[in-house]
Amino acid sequence: MRLKAVELIRRRSAAIEKVKRYLAGTIKEHEETFDSNNIRDFIDLYHKVSMDESEPEIFTEANIYKVIVDLFLAGGETTGTSLDWSLLYMLRYPDIQRKCQAEIDKVVGTNRRVKLSDKGSLPFLEATLLEIQRIGNTLTFSLPHVAKTDATLQGYLIPKDSIVIANLYSAHIDEKYWDDPETFRPERFLDSDGKIQRKDAFVPFSTGPRFCIGEPLARMELFLFFTNLLQQFSFTPTDENDLPSLDGIQALTLTALPYHLVAKPR
């Protein structure tokens, strides 16, 4: 059973606090061992720039936390977690895995790697990735936004300066927009001609003018990793009678429960 929204928020908050404590120790260690002639990483560089004091309102201790979390979460965690969900769903739906591999074999073959330019010729595989992002819900909530003025949305007053967080999870399982939303079915993203069709309720990277700036990079990475893995390997569970769970753990992202798999060269 999927985690309820309140529990998801509680667990996410706890995970963020744990990350903050870890970062606090790391930043303090860097400050104590800082050497301007030996810049070891981003934290050292940030510390060096902040010592200039020309823009103290920008280079604050609070901002370095935000930047590091952004780099970690947007730069690697989301793509890695999405790939984790992708392989898990291939274990649970071997017929979908074989269909993706057949499409790769037909379009690309086995003599070269899959390239980003192949994406338009692999509609079923792309639809599979879209469905994984929908049902896996790597990001259950958007980042916080602030209302600049009083606003009314469908009869509800949102006062000025309110913090607004969009529930992306609910949009992806709402029966108003998706037929049988708890069922994994990539075909929902294909039209009658077998081409990709977009859905307004599909918002894994949020939506609007402040949607995730890393969306193009994340989509590219996920496509290339997933397709090239399926081109080279077939993935099966370690025990056909004990399939891994499709439930998730809410941390900074919604991650799959730990599982094992067997990767067999094709």
Protein backbone atom coordinates (compact mmCIF):
# COMPACT_ATOMS: atom_id res chain seq x y z
CA MET A 1 0.00 0.00 0.00
CA ARG A 2 1.26 3.46 -0.90
CA LEU A 3 2.30 5.76 1.91
CA LYS A 4 -0.20 8.47 2.83
CA ALA A 5 0.68 12.09 2.11
CA VAL A 6 1.15 13.09 5.77
CA GLU A 7 3.51 10.19 6.36
CA LEU A 8 5.42 11.00 3.17
CA ILE A 9 5.93 14.59 4.34
CA ARG A 10 7.05 13.46 7.81
CA ARG A 11 9.60 11.02 6.42
CA ARG A 12 10.85 13.51 3.86
CA SER A 13 11.37 16.13 6.59
CA ALA A 14 13.26 13.63 8.73
CA ALA A 15 15.49 12.71 5.78
CA ILE A 16 16.24 16.37 5.04
CA GLU A 17 17.21 16.99 8.68
CA LYS A 18 19.56 14.00 8.56
CA VAL A 19 21.23 15.39 5.43
CA LYS A 20 21.56 18.81 7.09
CA ARG A 21 23.32 17.29 10.10
CA TYR A 22 25.74 15.44 7.84
CA LEU A 23 26.44 18.57 5.81
CA ALA A 24 26.96 20.65 8.95
CA GLY A 25 29.74 18.32 10.06
CA THR A 26 31.31 18.25 6.61
CA ILE A 27 31.22 22.04 6.23
CA LYS A 28 32.70 22.55 9.71
CA GLU A 29 35.52 20.12 8.90
CA HIS A 30 36.26 22.03 5.69
CA GLU A 31 36.33 25.37 7.51
CA GLU A 32 38.78 24.03 10.10
CA THR A 33 41.13 22.59 7.48
CA PHE A 34 40.69 25.25 4.80
CA ASP A 35 43.76 26.18 2.76
CA SER A 36 43.28 28.84 0.07
CA ASN A 37 46.20 27.36 -1.86
CA ASN A 38 44.64 23.91 -1.92
CA ILE A 39 40.99 24.08 -3.03
CA ARG A 40 39.78 20.49 -2.67
CA ASP A 41 36.15 20.71 -3.76
CA PHE A 42 33.04 22.86 -4.09
CA ILE A 43 32.77 23.56 -0.35
CA ASP A 44 36.31 24.96 -0.28
CA LEU A 45 35.58 27.10 -3.34
CA TYR A 46 32.36 28.44 -1.79
CA HIS A 47 34.19 29.23 1.44
CA LYS A 48 36.93 31.05 -0.45
CA VAL A 49 34.44 33.19 -2.36
CA SER A 50 32.44 33.95 0.79
CA MET A 51 35.59 35.33 2.47
CA ASP A 52 35.63 38.09 -0.13
CA GLU A 53 32.54 39.59 1.60
CA SER A 54 31.56 41.58 -1.51
CA GLU A 55 28.14 39.89 -1.60
CA PRO A 56 27.50 38.72 1.99
CA GLU A 57 23.75 38.39 1.39
CA ILE A 58 24.39 35.68 -1.23
CA PHE A 59 27.26 33.65 0.17
CA THR A 60 25.65 32.71 3.48
CA GLU A 61 25.85 29.53 5.52
CA ALA A 62 22.20 28.82 4.74
CA ASN A 63 22.76 29.10 1.00
CA ILE A 64 25.62 26.62 0.91
CA TYR A 65 23.25 24.01 2.35
CA LYS A 66 20.72 24.77 -0.36
CA VAL A 67 23.26 24.61 -3.17
CA ILE A 68 24.77 21.30 -2.01
CA VAL A 69 21.34 19.69 -1.61
CA ASP A 70 20.36 20.95 -5.06
CA LEU A 71 23.52 19.49 -6.58
CA PHE A 72 23.01 16.16 -4.86
CA LEU A 73 19.27 15.83 -5.34
CA ALA A 74 18.90 17.25 -8.85
CA GLY A 75 22.25 16.13 -10.15
CA GLY A 76 22.28 12.47 -9.25
CA GLU A 77 19.75 11.22 -6.74
CA THR A 78 16.68 11.59 -8.97
CA THR A 79 18.22 9.89 -12.01
CA GLY A 80 19.71 7.07 -9.94
CA THR A 81 16.43 6.49 -8.13
CA SER A 82 14.46 6.51 -11.39
CA LEU A 83 16.85 3.94 -12.85
CA ASP A 84 16.41 1.85 -9.71
CA TRP A 85 12.63 1.88 -10.22
CA SER A 86 13.12 1.10 -13.92
CA LEU A 87 15.04 -2.11 -13.29
CA LEU A 88 12.60 -3.11 -10.56
CA TYR A 89 9.64 -2.81 -12.92
CA MET A 90 11.52 -4.82 -15.55
CA LEU A 91 11.87 -7.62 -12.98
CA ARG A 92 8.17 -7.50 -12.20
CA TYR A 93 7.07 -7.18 -15.83
CA PRO A 94 9.38 -9.38 -17.95
CA ASP A 95 7.04 -9.18 -20.96
CA ILE A 96 7.51 -5.40 -21.01
CA GLN A 97 11.27 -5.88 -20.72
CA ARG A 98 11.31 -8.24 -23.70
CA LYS A 99 9.19 -5.85 -25.76
CA CYS A 100 11.61 -2.99 -25.02
CA GLN A 101 14.57 -5.16 -25.97
CA ALA A 102 12.89 -6.26 -29.21
CA GLU A 103 12.38 -2.61 -30.16
CA ILE A 104 16.03 -1.82 -29.41
CA ASP A 105 17.19 -4.82 -31.45
CA LYS A 106 15.03 -3.80 -34.40
CA VAL A 107 15.98 -0.11 -34.43
CA VAL A 108 19.57 -0.11 -33.16
CA GLY A 109 20.79 -3.69 -33.30
CA THR A 110 23.71 -4.95 -31.25
CA ASN A 111 26.72 -3.53 -33.10
CA ARG A 112 26.57 -0.05 -31.59
CA ARG A 113 25.33 1.66 -28.47
CA VAL A 114 21.96 3.36 -28.25
CA LYS A 115 22.26 7.11 -28.83
CA LEU A 116 20.01 9.98 -27.85
CA SER A 117 19.16 10.47 -31.52
CA ASP A 118 17.49 7.01 -31.46
CA LYS A 119 14.88 8.17 -28.95
CA GLY A 120 12.26 9.16 -31.51
CA SER A 121 12.46 5.72 -33.09
CA LEU A 122 11.86 3.87 -29.80
CA PRO A 123 8.31 4.93 -28.83
CA PHE A 124 7.42 1.88 -26.73
CA LEU A 125 10.62 2.16 -24.73
CA GLU A 126 10.03 5.86 -24.19
CA ALA A 127 6.45 5.15 -23.12
CA THR A 128 7.81 2.58 -20.65
CA LEU A 129 10.10 5.19 -19.08
CA LEU A 130 7.23 7.67 -18.85
CA GLU A 131 5.05 5.09 -17.12
CA ILE A 132 7.86 4.25 -14.69
CA GLN A 133 8.21 7.93 -13.82
CA ARG A 134 4.45 8.20 -13.34
CA ILE A 135 3.93 5.17 -11.14
CA GLY A 136 7.33 5.25 -9.42
CA ASN A 137 6.87 8.87 -8.30
CA THR A 138 10.53 9.56 -7.54
CA LEU A 139 9.57 13.11 -6.51
CA THR A 140 6.36 12.92 -4.52
CA PHE A 141 6.20 16.67 -3.92
CA SER A 142 7.45 19.78 -5.70
CA LEU A 143 9.95 22.11 -4.12
CA PRO A 144 8.40 24.81 -1.90
CA HIS A 145 7.07 27.97 -3.55
CA VAL A 146 5.83 31.20 -1.95
CA ALA A 147 2.67 33.07 -2.92
CA LYS A 148 3.62 36.66 -3.77
CA THR A 149 0.03 37.92 -3.37
CA ASP A 150 -3.29 36.68 -2.05
CA ALA A 151 -4.78 34.23 -4.53
CA THR A 152 -7.92 32.14 -4.84
CA LEU A 153 -7.74 28.68 -6.40
CA GLN A 154 -10.99 26.77 -6.94
CA GLY A 155 -12.59 28.58 -4.02
CA TYR A 156 -9.64 28.23 -1.63
CA LEU A 157 -7.82 31.32 -0.40
CA ILE A 158 -4.02 31.15 -0.53
CA PRO A 159 -2.77 34.10 1.57
CA LYS A 160 0.26 36.11 0.56
CA ASP A 161 3.59 34.61 1.75
CA SER A 162 2.07 31.13 2.14
CA ILE A 163 4.41 28.25 1.35
CA VAL A 164 2.89 26.12 -1.40
CA ILE A 165 4.02 22.55 -2.13
CA ALA A 166 2.41 20.67 -5.01
CA ASN A 167 1.49 17.02 -4.45
CA LEU A 168 2.88 15.42 -7.63
CA TYR A 169 2.09 11.96 -6.30
CA SER A 170 -1.64 12.63 -6.22
CA ALA A 171 -1.63 13.88 -9.83
CA HIS A 172 -0.10 10.61 -11.00
CA ILE A 173 -2.65 8.32 -9.33
CA ASP A 174 -5.81 10.39 -9.80
CA GLU A 175 -8.52 8.32 -11.50
CA LYS A 176 -9.86 11.52 -13.04
CA TYR A 177 -6.83 11.56 -15.36
CA TRP A 178 -5.65 7.95 -15.49
CA ASP A 179 -7.54 4.74 -16.17
CA ASP A 180 -6.66 2.14 -13.54
CA PRO A 181 -3.76 4.28 -12.20
CA GLU A 182 -2.26 1.60 -9.95
CA THR A 183 -1.64 -0.66 -12.98
CA PHE A 184 1.70 -0.50 -14.81
CA ARG A 185 0.73 0.01 -18.46
CA PRO A 186 3.16 1.85 -20.80
CA GLU A 187 0.59 1.79 -23.62
CA ARG A 188 -1.30 4.61 -21.91
CA PHE A 189 1.36 6.98 -23.29
CA LEU A 190 0.90 5.79 -26.91
CA ASP A 191 -1.77 6.98 -29.32
CA SER A 192 -3.60 4.83 -31.87
CA ASP A 193 -0.64 5.21 -34.27
CA GLY A 194 1.86 4.01 -31.68
CA LYS A 195 3.34 7.48 -31.16
CA ILE A 196 4.04 9.15 -27.84
CA GLN A 197 1.17 11.22 -26.47
CA ARG A 198 1.68 13.64 -23.61
CA LYS A 199 -0.64 13.89 -20.62
CA ASP A 200 -1.32 17.15 -18.78
CA ALA A 201 -1.45 15.29 -15.46
CA PHE A 202 2.05 13.87 -16.00
CA VAL A 203 4.27 16.16 -13.91
CA PRO A 204 7.30 14.22 -12.59
CA PHE A 205 9.40 17.39 -12.82
CA SER A 206 6.62 19.70 -11.61
CA THR A 207 5.15 22.23 -14.04
CA GLY A 208 4.88 25.94 -14.79
CA PRO A 209 7.66 28.52 -15.21
CA ARG A 210 9.59 27.13 -12.23
CA PHE A 211 9.58 23.46 -13.17
CA CYS A 212 12.80 21.48 -12.64
CA ILE A 213 15.57 23.11 -14.67
CA GLY A 214 17.37 19.77 -14.86
CA GLU A 215 14.52 17.96 -16.65
CA PRO A 216 16.23 17.71 -20.09
CA LEU A 217 19.43 16.34 -18.54
CA ALA A 218 17.57 13.88 -16.31
CA ARG A 219 15.48 12.55 -19.21
CA MET A 220 18.58 12.17 -21.36
CA GLU A 221 20.54 10.33 -18.67
CA LEU A 222 17.68 7.98 -17.81
CA PHE A 223 17.05 7.14 -21.48
CA LEU A 224 20.71 6.41 -22.26
CA PHE A 225 21.37 4.35 -19.12
CA PHE A 226 18.16 2.35 -19.38
CA THR A 227 18.32 1.59 -23.09
CA ASN A 228 21.98 0.58 -23.11
CA LEU A 229 21.51 -1.66 -20.08
CA LEU A 230 18.57 -3.43 -21.75
CA GLN A 231 20.53 -3.74 -24.97
CA GLN A 232 23.34 -5.60 -23.20
CA PHE A 233 21.55 -7.45 -20.37
CA SER A 234 18.35 -9.19 -19.39
CA PHE A 235 17.31 -8.67 -15.78
CA THR A 236 15.62 -11.34 -13.70
CA PRO A 237 14.82 -11.74 -9.98
CA THR A 238 17.03 -13.96 -7.86
CA ASP A 239 13.95 -15.97 -6.88
CA GLU A 240 10.97 -16.21 -9.25
CA ASN A 241 8.77 -17.19 -6.30
CA ASP A 242 9.74 -14.20 -4.18
CA LEU A 243 9.46 -11.06 -6.32
CA PRO A 244 10.70 -7.76 -4.88
CA SER A 245 8.13 -5.32 -3.53
CA LEU A 246 6.90 -2.31 -5.49
CA ASP A 247 6.46 -0.29 -2.30
CA GLY A 248 8.78 2.64 -1.69
CA ILE A 249 10.68 4.39 1.08
CA GLN A 250 10.24 8.15 1.41
CA ALA A 251 13.53 9.96 1.94
CA LEU A 252 14.72 12.92 -0.13
CA THR A 253 13.08 10.99 -2.94
CA LEU A 254 10.71 8.02 -3.01
CA THR A 255 13.10 5.11 -3.43
CA ALA A 256 12.46 1.43 -4.05
CA LEU A 257 12.94 -1.01 -1.20
CA PRO A 258 16.31 -2.81 -1.40
CA TYR A 259 16.22 -5.74 -3.84
CA HIS A 260 18.53 -8.13 -5.67
CA LEU A 261 18.59 -8.99 -9.36
CA VAL A 262 20.48 -11.12 -11.85
CA ALA A 263 21.93 -9.41 -14.93
CA LYS A 264 22.42 -11.91 -17.75
CA PRO A 265 24.43 -10.82 -20.81
CA ARG A 266 22.32 -11.10 -23.94
